Every structure is written in C-alpha cells, then in structure tokens.
Amino acid sequence: QVQLVESGGGLVQAGGSLRLSCAANGTIGSMNAMGWYRQAPGKQRELVARITSARSRNYADSVKGRFTISRYNGENTVYLQMNSLKPEDTAVYYCNAVRSYYSGRLERYEYWGQGTQVTVSS
C-alpha cells in the first residue's frame, strides 16, 4: 500500500547541485523517520542523511556541509539538497522511511524506494 516515490536524480557536473525528493504515498500516518541511503558499484549501501519527525538530523561524514535533508513540506515528504557534488557521490540513492508504533505490542514498518541514479561527472 505504501510506496516511496523518488525524483530528482540525474547527471550533473562536479560542483553542481541536485535536489532529491521522496514522497511516501498510500498512508495517512506520518513516518517516524525518513532518510536517504546510497549504494555505489562494488560498495555497501550507506546512510547518507536521516531526519526524524522531531527534525533531528544526521549525516554521513562524507556529505556534511554539502547535503541538507529536510521535511519542511510535509511529514511524509523528504528532500535532500545536494550541493558541491563530487564524482564520489555517484551512486543509486534510495529513499527510506520507518514507521513504528505500540499497539499492544511493538509494530515496525520499513519502506524503500526503488532508487534514483545520481551521476556526477568530472
């Protein structure tokens, strides 16, 4: 029922910018946390940035100062502003969302987008 719809990926020159967006559709509940992961060829998937419903944020060290994650336009919509892009940022970026609640017992749901390609050329 829930799907994460990603957009904003593409090809950009080094030093350029892109903004990724992800909307969680098909739910009336808010996500506790949303974020972006990325996976480059031959590498493990890594957390890029994450934001909670309380607007707490964390970033991978490699993107601090360059990327900004936000949920200003809706609890179930997340944006990743990527500035000063580097070739090493090239990867497939995946939106992630988590919804947890307690109703007699703990329930946890995690959702993933299908990924959007970001390619940074030198």
N, C-alpha and C. Protein backbone atom coordinates (compact mmCIF):
# COMPACT_ATOMS: atom_id res chain seq x y z
N GLN A 1 0.82 -1.21 0.00
CA GLN A 1 0.00 0.00 0.00
C GLN A 1 0.86 1.25 0.00
N VAL A 2 1.89 1.26 0.81
CA VAL A 2 2.78 2.41 0.88
C VAL A 2 3.87 2.27 -0.16
N GLN A 3 4.10 3.34 -0.87
CA GLN A 3 5.21 3.38 -1.80
C GLN A 3 5.95 4.69 -1.66
N LEU A 4 7.23 4.64 -1.84
CA LEU A 4 8.07 5.82 -1.80
C LEU A 4 8.42 6.20 -3.22
N VAL A 5 8.03 7.40 -3.59
CA VAL A 5 8.24 7.88 -4.94
C VAL A 5 9.37 8.89 -4.93
N GLU A 6 10.43 8.57 -5.63
CA GLU A 6 11.62 9.38 -5.65
C GLU A 6 11.73 10.14 -6.97
N SER A 7 12.36 11.29 -6.90
CA SER A 7 12.63 12.06 -8.10
C SER A 7 13.81 12.98 -7.84
N GLY A 8 14.37 13.50 -8.91
CA GLY A 8 15.42 14.49 -8.80
C GLY A 8 16.81 14.00 -9.16
N GLY A 9 16.97 12.72 -9.37
CA GLY A 9 18.27 12.22 -9.76
C GLY A 9 18.60 12.61 -11.18
N GLY A 10 19.85 12.42 -11.53
CA GLY A 10 20.27 12.75 -12.87
C GLY A 10 21.77 12.87 -12.98
N LEU A 11 22.19 13.46 -14.07
CA LEU A 11 23.60 13.68 -14.36
C LEU A 11 23.95 15.13 -14.13
N VAL A 12 25.01 15.36 -13.39
CA VAL A 12 25.43 16.72 -13.09
C VAL A 12 26.95 16.78 -13.07
N GLN A 13 27.48 17.93 -13.39
CA GLN A 13 28.92 18.13 -13.33
C GLN A 13 29.39 18.32 -11.89
N ALA A 14 30.63 17.97 -11.65
CA ALA A 14 31.21 18.19 -10.34
C ALA A 14 31.07 19.66 -9.95
N GLY A 15 30.71 19.87 -8.70
CA GLY A 15 30.47 21.21 -8.21
C GLY A 15 29.04 21.66 -8.35
N GLY A 16 28.25 20.92 -9.07
CA GLY A 16 26.86 21.26 -9.27
C GLY A 16 25.97 20.79 -8.14
N SER A 17 24.68 20.98 -8.34
CA SER A 17 23.70 20.67 -7.30
C SER A 17 22.54 19.87 -7.87
N LEU A 18 21.96 19.08 -7.02
CA LEU A 18 20.73 18.37 -7.30
C LEU A 18 19.89 18.36 -6.05
N ARG A 19 18.59 18.27 -6.23
CA ARG A 19 17.70 18.09 -5.11
C ARG A 19 16.85 16.86 -5.33
N LEU A 20 16.98 15.92 -4.43
CA LEU A 20 16.18 14.72 -4.47
C LEU A 20 14.93 14.90 -3.61
N SER A 21 13.85 14.32 -4.05
CA SER A 21 12.64 14.34 -3.27
C SER A 21 12.07 12.93 -3.16
N CYS A 22 11.37 12.70 -2.08
CA CYS A 22 10.75 11.41 -1.84
C CYS A 22 9.43 11.63 -1.13
N ALA A 23 8.39 11.10 -1.69
CA ALA A 23 7.06 11.20 -1.10
C ALA A 23 6.55 9.81 -0.75
N ALA A 24 6.11 9.66 0.47
CA ALA A 24 5.51 8.42 0.92
C ALA A 24 4.02 8.49 0.66
N ASN A 25 3.58 7.74 -0.31
CA ASN A 25 2.17 7.74 -0.69
C ASN A 25 1.47 6.50 -0.17
N GLY A 26 0.16 6.63 0.02
CA GLY A 26 -0.64 5.49 0.41
C GLY A 26 -0.78 5.27 1.90
N THR A 27 -0.47 6.28 2.69
CA THR A 27 -0.61 6.17 4.13
C THR A 27 -1.14 7.47 4.69
N ILE A 28 -1.94 7.36 5.75
CA ILE A 28 -2.42 8.56 6.43
C ILE A 28 -1.60 8.85 7.67
N GLY A 29 -0.75 7.94 8.05
CA GLY A 29 0.11 8.12 9.19
C GLY A 29 1.44 8.72 8.79
N SER A 30 2.04 9.41 9.74
CA SER A 30 3.33 10.01 9.48
C SER A 30 4.45 9.01 9.76
N MET A 31 5.53 9.21 9.05
CA MET A 31 6.70 8.36 9.26
C MET A 31 7.51 8.91 10.42
N ASN A 32 8.03 8.02 11.25
CA ASN A 32 8.87 8.44 12.36
C ASN A 32 10.20 8.99 11.88
N ALA A 33 10.70 8.43 10.82
CA ALA A 33 11.96 8.88 10.28
C ALA A 33 11.99 8.61 8.78
N MET A 34 12.65 9.47 8.08
CA MET A 34 12.88 9.28 6.66
C MET A 34 14.32 9.65 6.36
N GLY A 35 14.85 9.04 5.35
CA GLY A 35 16.22 9.33 5.02
C GLY A 35 16.61 8.82 3.65
N TRP A 36 17.86 9.03 3.36
CA TRP A 36 18.43 8.62 2.10
C TRP A 36 19.64 7.75 2.33
N TYR A 37 19.70 6.66 1.60
CA TYR A 37 20.86 5.81 1.54
C TYR A 37 21.39 5.83 0.12
N ARG A 38 22.61 5.43 -0.04
CA ARG A 38 23.15 5.33 -1.38
C ARG A 38 24.04 4.10 -1.49
N GLN A 39 24.15 3.62 -2.70
CA GLN A 39 24.98 2.46 -2.97
C GLN A 39 25.69 2.66 -4.30
N ALA A 40 26.99 2.69 -4.23
CA ALA A 40 27.82 2.79 -5.41
C ALA A 40 28.24 1.39 -5.85
N PRO A 41 28.59 1.23 -7.11
CA PRO A 41 29.01 -0.08 -7.59
C PRO A 41 30.16 -0.65 -6.76
N GLY A 42 30.01 -1.88 -6.33
CA GLY A 42 31.04 -2.54 -5.57
C GLY A 42 31.14 -2.12 -4.12
N LYS A 43 30.23 -1.29 -3.66
CA LYS A 43 30.26 -0.82 -2.28
C LYS A 43 28.97 -1.17 -1.56
N GLN A 44 29.05 -1.17 -0.25
CA GLN A 44 27.87 -1.43 0.56
C GLN A 44 26.97 -0.20 0.60
N ARG A 45 25.70 -0.45 0.82
CA ARG A 45 24.78 0.64 0.99
C ARG A 45 25.10 1.39 2.28
N GLU A 46 25.07 2.70 2.20
CA GLU A 46 25.41 3.52 3.35
C GLU A 46 24.36 4.60 3.56
N LEU A 47 24.22 4.97 4.81
CA LEU A 47 23.33 6.07 5.15
C LEU A 47 23.95 7.38 4.72
N VAL A 48 23.17 8.18 4.02
CA VAL A 48 23.60 9.50 3.61
C VAL A 48 23.09 10.55 4.58
N ALA A 49 21.81 10.53 4.83
CA ALA A 49 21.19 11.50 5.72
C ALA A 49 19.87 10.95 6.21
N ARG A 50 19.48 11.39 7.40
CA ARG A 50 18.26 10.91 8.02
C ARG A 50 17.66 12.03 8.83
N ILE A 51 16.34 12.08 8.87
CA ILE A 51 15.64 13.09 9.64
C ILE A 51 14.44 12.45 10.31
N THR A 52 14.23 12.78 11.57
CA THR A 52 13.10 12.26 12.32
C THR A 52 11.94 13.23 12.27
N SER A 53 10.81 12.78 12.81
CA SER A 53 9.65 13.65 12.88
C SER A 53 9.89 14.85 13.78
N ALA A 54 10.85 14.74 14.69
CA ALA A 54 11.23 15.85 15.55
C ALA A 54 12.29 16.74 14.90
N ARG A 55 12.61 16.45 13.66
CA ARG A 55 13.56 17.23 12.87
C ARG A 55 15.01 17.06 13.32
N SER A 56 15.28 15.98 14.06
CA SER A 56 16.66 15.64 14.32
C SER A 56 17.29 15.09 13.05
N ARG A 57 18.51 15.49 12.80
CA ARG A 57 19.17 15.11 11.56
C ARG A 57 20.53 14.49 11.84
N ASN A 58 20.91 13.59 10.97
CA ASN A 58 22.27 13.10 10.99
C ASN A 58 22.72 12.84 9.56
N TYR A 59 24.02 12.99 9.36
CA TYR A 59 24.60 12.90 8.04
C TYR A 59 25.83 12.01 8.06
N ALA A 60 26.09 11.40 6.94
CA ALA A 60 27.37 10.75 6.77
C ALA A 60 28.47 11.81 6.78
N ASP A 61 29.61 11.45 7.34
CA ASP A 61 30.71 12.41 7.41
C ASP A 61 31.09 12.94 6.03
N SER A 62 30.98 12.11 5.04
CA SER A 62 31.41 12.49 3.70
C SER A 62 30.54 13.55 3.05
N VAL A 63 29.34 13.78 3.59
CA VAL A 63 28.44 14.75 2.97
C VAL A 63 28.14 15.94 3.87
N LYS A 64 28.64 15.93 5.08
CA LYS A 64 28.39 17.04 5.99
C LYS A 64 28.88 18.35 5.39
N GLY A 65 28.05 19.36 5.50
CA GLY A 65 28.39 20.66 4.95
C GLY A 65 28.02 20.83 3.50
N ARG A 66 27.67 19.74 2.84
CA ARG A 66 27.31 19.80 1.42
C ARG A 66 25.85 19.42 1.18
N PHE A 67 25.35 18.47 1.95
CA PHE A 67 23.99 17.98 1.78
C PHE A 67 23.11 18.46 2.93
N THR A 68 21.86 18.70 2.63
CA THR A 68 20.89 19.10 3.63
C THR A 68 19.61 18.31 3.44
N ILE A 69 19.15 17.68 4.51
CA ILE A 69 17.91 16.94 4.46
C ILE A 69 16.84 17.73 5.19
N SER A 70 15.61 17.66 4.69
CA SER A 70 14.54 18.43 5.29
C SER A 70 13.21 17.74 5.10
N ARG A 71 12.26 18.11 5.96
CA ARG A 71 10.88 17.66 5.85
C ARG A 71 9.94 18.84 5.96
N TYR A 72 10.35 19.96 5.46
CA TYR A 72 9.60 21.20 5.63
C TYR A 72 8.27 21.20 4.89
N ASN A 73 8.16 20.39 3.88
CA ASN A 73 6.97 20.40 3.03
C ASN A 73 6.03 19.23 3.26
N GLY A 74 6.10 18.65 4.45
CA GLY A 74 5.20 17.57 4.78
C GLY A 74 5.91 16.45 5.52
N GLU A 75 5.23 15.86 6.48
CA GLU A 75 5.84 14.82 7.31
C GLU A 75 6.23 13.60 6.50
N ASN A 76 5.53 13.36 5.43
CA ASN A 76 5.80 12.18 4.62
C ASN A 76 6.49 12.50 3.31
N THR A 77 7.12 13.64 3.27
CA THR A 77 7.92 14.04 2.13
C THR A 77 9.28 14.49 2.63
N VAL A 78 10.31 13.98 2.02
CA VAL A 78 11.66 14.32 2.42
C VAL A 78 12.43 14.81 1.21
N TYR A 79 13.30 15.78 1.46
CA TYR A 79 14.13 16.34 0.41
C TYR A 79 15.60 16.20 0.80
N LEU A 80 16.41 16.05 -0.18
CA LEU A 80 17.85 16.05 0.02
C LEU A 80 18.46 17.03 -0.96
N GLN A 81 18.90 18.16 -0.44
CA GLN A 81 19.59 19.14 -1.25
C GLN A 81 21.07 18.79 -1.27
N MET A 82 21.59 18.56 -2.44
CA MET A 82 22.97 18.15 -2.60
C MET A 82 23.73 19.23 -3.35
N ASN A 83 24.66 19.85 -2.67
CA ASN A 83 25.49 20.89 -3.26
C ASN A 83 26.94 20.43 -3.33
N SER A 84 27.69 21.13 -4.14
CA SER A 84 29.12 20.83 -4.30
C SER A 84 29.35 19.35 -4.55
N LEU A 85 28.61 18.82 -5.48
CA LEU A 85 28.68 17.40 -5.75
C LEU A 85 30.05 16.99 -6.28
N LYS A 86 30.45 15.81 -5.88
CA LYS A 86 31.73 15.24 -6.27
C LYS A 86 31.49 13.93 -7.02
N PRO A 87 32.44 13.54 -7.86
CA PRO A 87 32.29 12.26 -8.55
C PRO A 87 32.06 11.09 -7.60
N GLU A 88 32.64 11.14 -6.42
CA GLU A 88 32.45 10.06 -5.46
C GLU A 88 31.05 10.01 -4.88
N ASP A 89 30.23 11.01 -5.17
CA ASP A 89 28.83 10.96 -4.78
C ASP A 89 27.99 10.13 -5.74
N THR A 90 28.58 9.72 -6.83
CA THR A 90 27.86 8.92 -7.80
C THR A 90 27.39 7.61 -7.18
N ALA A 91 26.11 7.37 -7.26
CA ALA A 91 25.52 6.18 -6.65
C ALA A 91 24.04 6.15 -6.98
N VAL A 92 23.43 5.04 -6.66
CA VAL A 92 21.98 4.97 -6.64
C VAL A 92 21.53 5.39 -5.25
N TYR A 93 20.65 6.35 -5.20
CA TYR A 93 20.15 6.87 -3.93
C TYR A 93 18.76 6.31 -3.66
N TYR A 94 18.60 5.78 -2.46
CA TYR A 94 17.36 5.13 -2.07
C TYR A 94 16.71 5.89 -0.93
N CYS A 95 15.46 6.18 -1.10
CA CYS A 95 14.68 6.77 -0.02
C CYS A 95 14.26 5.66 0.95
N ASN A 96 14.27 6.00 2.22
CA ASN A 96 13.90 5.06 3.26
C ASN A 96 12.96 5.73 4.24
N ALA A 97 11.98 4.99 4.70
CA ALA A 97 11.05 5.52 5.70
C ALA A 97 10.72 4.43 6.70
N VAL A 98 10.58 4.84 7.94
CA VAL A 98 10.28 3.92 9.03
C VAL A 98 9.08 4.44 9.81
N ARG A 99 8.16 3.55 10.08
CA ARG A 99 7.02 3.87 10.91
C ARG A 99 6.92 2.84 12.01
N SER A 100 6.97 3.29 13.24
CA SER A 100 6.90 2.41 14.40
C SER A 100 5.83 2.91 15.36
N TYR A 101 5.14 1.98 15.97
CA TYR A 101 4.14 2.34 16.97
C TYR A 101 3.89 1.17 17.89
N TYR A 102 3.31 1.49 19.03
CA TYR A 102 2.99 0.46 20.00
C TYR A 102 1.47 0.34 20.11
N SER A 103 0.96 -0.82 19.82
CA SER A 103 -0.46 -1.10 19.93
C SER A 103 -0.61 -2.50 20.51
N GLY A 104 -0.46 -2.58 21.83
CA GLY A 104 -0.43 -3.87 22.48
C GLY A 104 0.96 -4.49 22.41
N ARG A 105 1.54 -4.41 21.27
CA ARG A 105 2.91 -4.81 21.06
C ARG A 105 3.54 -3.91 20.00
N LEU A 106 4.84 -3.94 19.94
CA LEU A 106 5.54 -3.08 19.01
C LEU A 106 5.30 -3.52 17.57
N GLU A 107 5.08 -2.52 16.74
CA GLU A 107 4.95 -2.76 15.31
C GLU A 107 5.94 -1.84 14.60
N ARG A 108 6.59 -2.37 13.62
CA ARG A 108 7.58 -1.60 12.87
C ARG A 108 7.43 -1.90 11.39
N TYR A 109 7.39 -0.85 10.62
CA TYR A 109 7.32 -0.97 9.17
C TYR A 109 8.43 -0.15 8.55
N GLU A 110 9.07 -0.71 7.57
CA GLU A 110 10.13 -0.02 6.87
C GLU A 110 9.87 -0.10 5.37
N TYR A 111 10.10 1.00 4.71
CA TYR A 111 9.82 1.09 3.29
C TYR A 111 11.04 1.62 2.55
N TRP A 112 11.16 1.19 1.32
CA TRP A 112 12.27 1.60 0.47
C TRP A 112 11.76 2.04 -0.89
N GLY A 113 12.36 3.09 -1.40
CA GLY A 113 12.12 3.47 -2.77
C GLY A 113 12.91 2.57 -3.70
N GLN A 114 12.62 2.68 -4.97
CA GLN A 114 13.30 1.84 -5.94
C GLN A 114 14.67 2.37 -6.33
N GLY A 115 14.97 3.58 -5.93
CA GLY A 115 16.27 4.16 -6.19
C GLY A 115 16.27 5.12 -7.35
N THR A 116 17.07 6.14 -7.23
CA THR A 116 17.26 7.09 -8.31
C THR A 116 18.76 7.30 -8.52
N GLN A 117 19.16 7.28 -9.76
CA GLN A 117 20.58 7.36 -10.09
C GLN A 117 21.07 8.80 -10.03
N VAL A 118 22.16 8.99 -9.33
CA VAL A 118 22.87 10.27 -9.32
C VAL A 118 24.26 10.03 -9.88
N THR A 119 24.57 10.72 -10.94
CA THR A 119 25.88 10.58 -11.57
C THR A 119 26.54 11.95 -11.63
N VAL A 120 27.73 12.03 -11.08
CA VAL A 120 28.48 13.28 -11.05
C VAL A 120 29.71 13.11 -11.91
N SER A 121 29.81 13.89 -12.94
CA SER A 121 30.94 13.82 -13.86
C SER A 121 31.98 14.86 -13.50
N SER A 122 33.21 14.55 -13.83
CA SER A 122 34.30 15.48 -13.57
C SER A 122 34.58 16.37 -14.76
